[in-house]
Structure formats: structure tokens, C-alpha cells
Amino acid sequence: MSEPMEEEVKEAIQHLKQGDINGLEPLVRRYQLKALRVAYLIVRDHQLAEDIVEEAFLRAFDRIHQFDSSRAFEPWFLKIVINMARRAAVRYGRQTRLLDEDPQVLSTRGPNLNIRALETDAEYADALQALWIALGMLDVDQRVVLIQRYYLGLSESEIACRTQSPLGTIKWRLHAARKFLRRLLQADL
């Protein structure tokens, strides 16, 4: 992270801690897109993801006094987004709903999500669509762990720490999700 960006975030947080909601503006510019992608991958609904992220920024403003300024803002904020998206996915039953919405959000993946090199754009699009459908068939907790591991690039230990879950539970969810995806995608690819 570049030094000017780091300073901009620190200044924004200072403004928020002083009760100045205008401090949200630089944070929105910096984190909104990633937060939207994370929320969308979990809830699989564009409008709901936008609502979640908007509410998450307001929640961050309301709870900024709980934020430890010696730590990075992004993980703290994304934890809010992930928790809100997870609750929304459970509430609206989106963990089993299959949507044929835009799977292209997967093509803007983090560095760890990788669909093997495919020969044509059509094969790539088909693989993305198959992955999108398969993700929709996962239990929401498995989907959340996969997104944290492969989209956000967190280690299993980091996920366990952030979710306050036993490491064994995180490993089991990842194993079960990968096994399910592998079985489903091998039939399609």
C-alpha cells in the first residue's frame, strides 16, 4: 500500500472518530468495489449486495470507536460486510437458490481463485457459469469460507481468527466445499 493512501485512510478514520461522517468518502472510494464483490459473491443479488455495503459503511461509522487504529481498516470493514452478507443470505435463503445472474464477478477474482487455462473464451465463460451455479449450491457458511480463502486470500488460520471459529471447523468447511465443487464441476468441465 502506498504511503499517501495509508495516510488518507488514517485521516478518514480520525474524522470518523471525531463524529465527522465526511470521513467515509475516502473509505467508500477505496473499499466499496471490493466490498460489493464480496457481498455479491455471498448473497448473489446485486441490489442486496449494494444495500449491505451501504449499511456496512454506516455501521462502520457507528462503531468506529471499536476500531483499533493501529490495525488495518480493510479487514475490520470486510468482516462487517461478510457478517452482514452471511446473515442476509441465510435470512433470504440464498444459500440454495440458483441464480443465472452475472457470473463475470468471478473473472475479477483475487489472485488465488483460478480456473485452469481454457482454450477459448466460450470455454472460459462456460466454466465461470458452472462455477457460479456450483457456488450457489453450497451451504452459505461453506461459500463464505471459500470466498475468504480464495477471493480475499486469507489463510485458514486467519479465517478461524476472524470468524472466531475453531480451525478444524474452517478446514472441514473448506474440505467439504472443495469436494462438492470438484464433484459438480468435473461433471460439467
Protein backbone atom coordinates (compact mmCIF):
# COMPACT_ATOMS: atom_id res chain seq x y z
CA MET A 1 0.00 0.00 0.00
CA SER A 2 1.34 3.39 -0.90
CA GLU A 3 2.08 5.88 1.86
CA PRO A 4 -0.37 8.61 0.64
CA MET A 5 -3.22 6.08 0.57
CA GLU A 6 -2.32 4.89 4.08
CA GLU A 7 -2.37 8.50 5.31
CA GLU A 8 -5.70 9.15 3.60
CA VAL A 9 -7.23 6.16 5.39
CA LYS A 10 -5.78 7.24 8.75
CA GLU A 11 -7.13 10.76 8.26
CA ALA A 12 -10.55 9.43 7.29
CA ILE A 13 -10.65 7.27 10.40
CA GLN A 14 -9.67 10.24 12.56
CA HIS A 15 -12.55 12.24 11.06
CA LEU A 16 -14.97 9.39 11.73
CA LYS A 17 -13.77 9.05 15.33
CA GLN A 18 -14.46 12.78 15.75
CA GLY A 19 -18.03 12.22 14.52
CA ASP A 20 -17.48 13.63 11.02
CA ILE A 21 -19.37 11.39 8.59
CA ASN A 22 -17.49 13.02 5.69
CA GLY A 23 -14.60 10.76 6.68
CA LEU A 24 -16.49 7.94 4.97
CA GLU A 25 -15.95 9.39 1.48
CA PRO A 26 -12.31 8.30 1.01
CA LEU A 27 -13.09 4.91 2.57
CA VAL A 28 -16.01 4.40 0.20
CA ARG A 29 -13.80 5.28 -2.79
CA ARG A 30 -11.16 2.84 -1.64
CA TYR A 31 -13.15 -0.16 -0.37
CA GLN A 32 -16.58 -0.05 -1.99
CA LEU A 33 -15.83 -2.15 -5.08
CA LYS A 34 -14.12 -4.96 -3.17
CA ALA A 35 -16.86 -4.93 -0.53
CA LEU A 36 -19.54 -5.10 -3.25
CA ARG A 37 -17.84 -8.07 -4.88
CA VAL A 38 -17.54 -9.92 -1.57
CA ALA A 39 -21.16 -9.25 -0.62
CA TYR A 40 -22.37 -10.21 -4.11
CA LEU A 41 -20.46 -13.49 -4.07
CA ILE A 42 -22.19 -14.35 -0.80
CA VAL A 43 -25.75 -13.13 -1.41
CA ARG A 44 -25.79 -13.49 -5.21
CA ASP A 45 -28.07 -10.48 -5.67
CA HIS A 46 -26.77 -7.11 -6.92
CA GLN A 47 -29.31 -4.90 -5.16
CA LEU A 48 -28.99 -6.75 -1.88
CA ALA A 49 -25.18 -6.57 -2.08
CA GLU A 50 -25.36 -2.81 -2.66
CA ASP A 51 -27.71 -2.40 0.31
CA ILE A 52 -25.41 -4.48 2.51
CA VAL A 53 -22.33 -2.46 1.61
CA GLU A 54 -24.13 0.84 2.12
CA GLU A 55 -25.33 -0.32 5.53
CA ALA A 56 -21.86 -1.69 6.35
CA PHE A 57 -20.29 1.74 5.80
CA LEU A 58 -22.88 3.29 8.10
CA ARG A 59 -22.28 0.56 10.67
CA ALA A 60 -18.54 1.21 10.43
CA PHE A 61 -19.25 4.89 11.14
CA ASP A 62 -21.44 3.99 14.12
CA ARG A 63 -18.87 1.53 15.51
CA ILE A 64 -15.63 3.31 14.59
CA HIS A 65 -14.87 3.76 18.29
CA GLN A 66 -14.44 -0.06 18.43
CA PHE A 67 -11.82 0.04 15.68
CA ASP A 68 -8.18 -0.24 16.78
CA SER A 69 -6.38 2.43 14.73
CA SER A 70 -3.09 0.53 14.98
CA ARG A 71 -4.58 -2.17 12.72
CA ALA A 72 -5.61 -2.16 9.06
CA PHE A 73 -9.10 -0.88 8.31
CA GLU A 74 -9.86 -3.17 5.37
CA PRO A 75 -10.02 -6.50 7.28
CA TRP A 76 -12.14 -4.91 10.01
CA PHE A 77 -14.54 -3.44 7.47
CA LEU A 78 -14.73 -6.57 5.30
CA LYS A 79 -15.56 -8.59 8.40
CA ILE A 80 -18.60 -6.34 8.87
CA VAL A 81 -19.56 -6.85 5.21
CA ILE A 82 -19.09 -10.63 5.37
CA ASN A 83 -21.12 -10.96 8.57
CA MET A 84 -23.95 -8.84 7.20
CA ALA A 85 -23.94 -10.69 3.87
CA ARG A 86 -23.91 -14.07 5.59
CA ARG A 87 -26.91 -13.12 7.74
CA ALA A 88 -28.74 -11.78 4.69
CA ALA A 89 -28.00 -14.95 2.70
CA VAL A 90 -29.39 -17.10 5.48
CA ARG A 91 -32.40 -14.83 6.01
CA TYR A 92 -33.32 -14.78 2.33
CA GLY A 93 -32.48 -18.42 1.69
CA ARG A 94 -29.91 -17.59 -0.96
CA GLN A 95 -27.58 -20.42 0.04
CA THR A 96 -29.56 -22.86 -2.09
CA ARG A 97 -31.15 -20.54 -4.66
CA LEU A 98 -29.69 -20.86 -8.12
CA LEU A 99 -29.42 -17.57 -9.94
CA ASP A 100 -28.34 -17.15 -13.53
CA GLU A 101 -27.09 -13.65 -12.82
CA ASP A 102 -23.76 -12.35 -13.96
CA PRO A 103 -21.01 -14.81 -13.06
CA GLN A 104 -18.46 -12.37 -14.51
CA VAL A 105 -17.79 -11.10 -10.98
CA LEU A 106 -15.70 -14.26 -10.71
CA SER A 107 -13.45 -13.06 -13.52
CA THR A 108 -12.40 -10.15 -11.28
CA ARG A 109 -11.19 -12.69 -8.77
CA GLY A 110 -8.47 -12.39 -6.23
CA PRO A 111 -5.10 -13.90 -7.06
CA ASN A 112 -5.86 -17.31 -5.54
CA LEU A 113 -9.06 -18.16 -7.41
CA ASN A 114 -8.00 -19.89 -10.60
CA ILE A 115 -9.87 -21.74 -13.29
CA ARG A 116 -7.30 -23.68 -15.29
CA ALA A 117 -6.29 -22.15 -18.60
CA LEU A 118 -9.05 -22.79 -21.08
CA GLU A 119 -8.64 -22.81 -24.84
CA THR A 120 -11.43 -20.41 -25.82
CA ASP A 121 -13.42 -17.55 -24.39
CA ALA A 122 -16.53 -19.70 -24.71
CA GLU A 123 -14.95 -22.43 -22.58
CA TYR A 124 -13.93 -19.83 -20.03
CA ALA A 125 -17.45 -18.37 -19.95
CA ASP A 126 -18.94 -21.87 -19.59
CA ALA A 127 -16.52 -22.64 -16.75
CA LEU A 128 -17.42 -19.39 -14.98
CA GLN A 129 -21.12 -20.15 -15.36
CA ALA A 130 -20.64 -23.69 -14.00
CA LEU A 131 -18.64 -22.32 -11.05
CA TRP A 132 -21.26 -19.65 -10.37
CA ILE A 133 -24.04 -22.23 -10.28
CA ALA A 134 -21.96 -24.58 -8.13
CA LEU A 135 -21.19 -21.78 -5.64
CA GLY A 136 -24.92 -21.17 -5.37
CA MET A 137 -25.46 -24.77 -4.36
CA LEU A 138 -23.06 -24.56 -1.42
CA ASP A 139 -24.17 -24.03 2.14
CA VAL A 140 -23.74 -20.33 2.94
CA ASP A 141 -21.06 -21.00 5.58
CA GLN A 142 -19.04 -23.03 3.07
CA ARG A 143 -19.43 -20.29 0.46
CA VAL A 144 -18.30 -17.62 2.94
CA VAL A 145 -15.18 -19.62 3.85
CA LEU A 146 -14.34 -20.25 0.17
CA ILE A 147 -14.67 -16.54 -0.62
CA GLN A 148 -12.44 -15.61 2.31
CA ARG A 149 -9.85 -18.22 1.34
CA TYR A 150 -9.73 -17.86 -2.45
CA TYR A 151 -11.11 -14.40 -3.22
CA LEU A 152 -9.67 -12.49 -0.27
CA GLY A 153 -6.62 -14.76 0.01
CA LEU A 154 -6.87 -15.35 3.76
CA SER A 155 -5.20 -18.36 5.35
CA GLU A 156 -7.26 -20.94 7.21
CA SER A 157 -5.86 -19.60 10.50
CA GLU A 158 -6.80 -16.02 9.60
CA ILE A 159 -10.33 -17.11 8.72
CA ALA A 160 -10.65 -19.01 12.01
CA CYS A 161 -9.42 -15.96 13.93
CA ARG A 162 -11.70 -13.52 12.13
CA THR A 163 -14.78 -15.71 12.42
CA GLN A 164 -13.92 -16.85 15.94
CA SER A 165 -14.41 -20.44 14.78
CA PRO A 166 -12.24 -23.44 15.55
CA LEU A 167 -9.55 -24.05 12.92
CA GLY A 168 -10.89 -27.59 12.47
CA THR A 169 -14.32 -26.20 11.55
CA ILE A 170 -12.80 -23.92 8.92
CA LYS A 171 -10.74 -26.78 7.48
CA TRP A 172 -13.79 -29.03 7.38
CA ARG A 173 -15.93 -26.38 5.63
CA LEU A 174 -13.20 -25.79 3.05
CA HIS A 175 -12.72 -29.52 2.50
CA ALA A 176 -16.46 -30.17 2.13
CA ALA A 177 -16.91 -27.18 -0.19
CA ARG A 178 -13.95 -28.15 -2.41
CA LYS A 179 -15.11 -31.77 -2.55
CA PHE A 180 -18.62 -30.70 -3.54
CA LEU A 181 -17.36 -28.22 -6.14
CA ARG A 182 -14.87 -30.70 -7.57
CA ARG A 183 -17.58 -33.36 -7.95
CA LEU A 184 -20.04 -30.93 -9.51
CA LEU A 185 -17.55 -29.19 -11.80
CA GLN A 186 -15.92 -32.40 -13.05
CA ALA A 187 -19.29 -33.39 -14.42
CA ASP A 188 -19.59 -30.02 -16.22
CA LEU A 189 -15.99 -29.48 -17.42
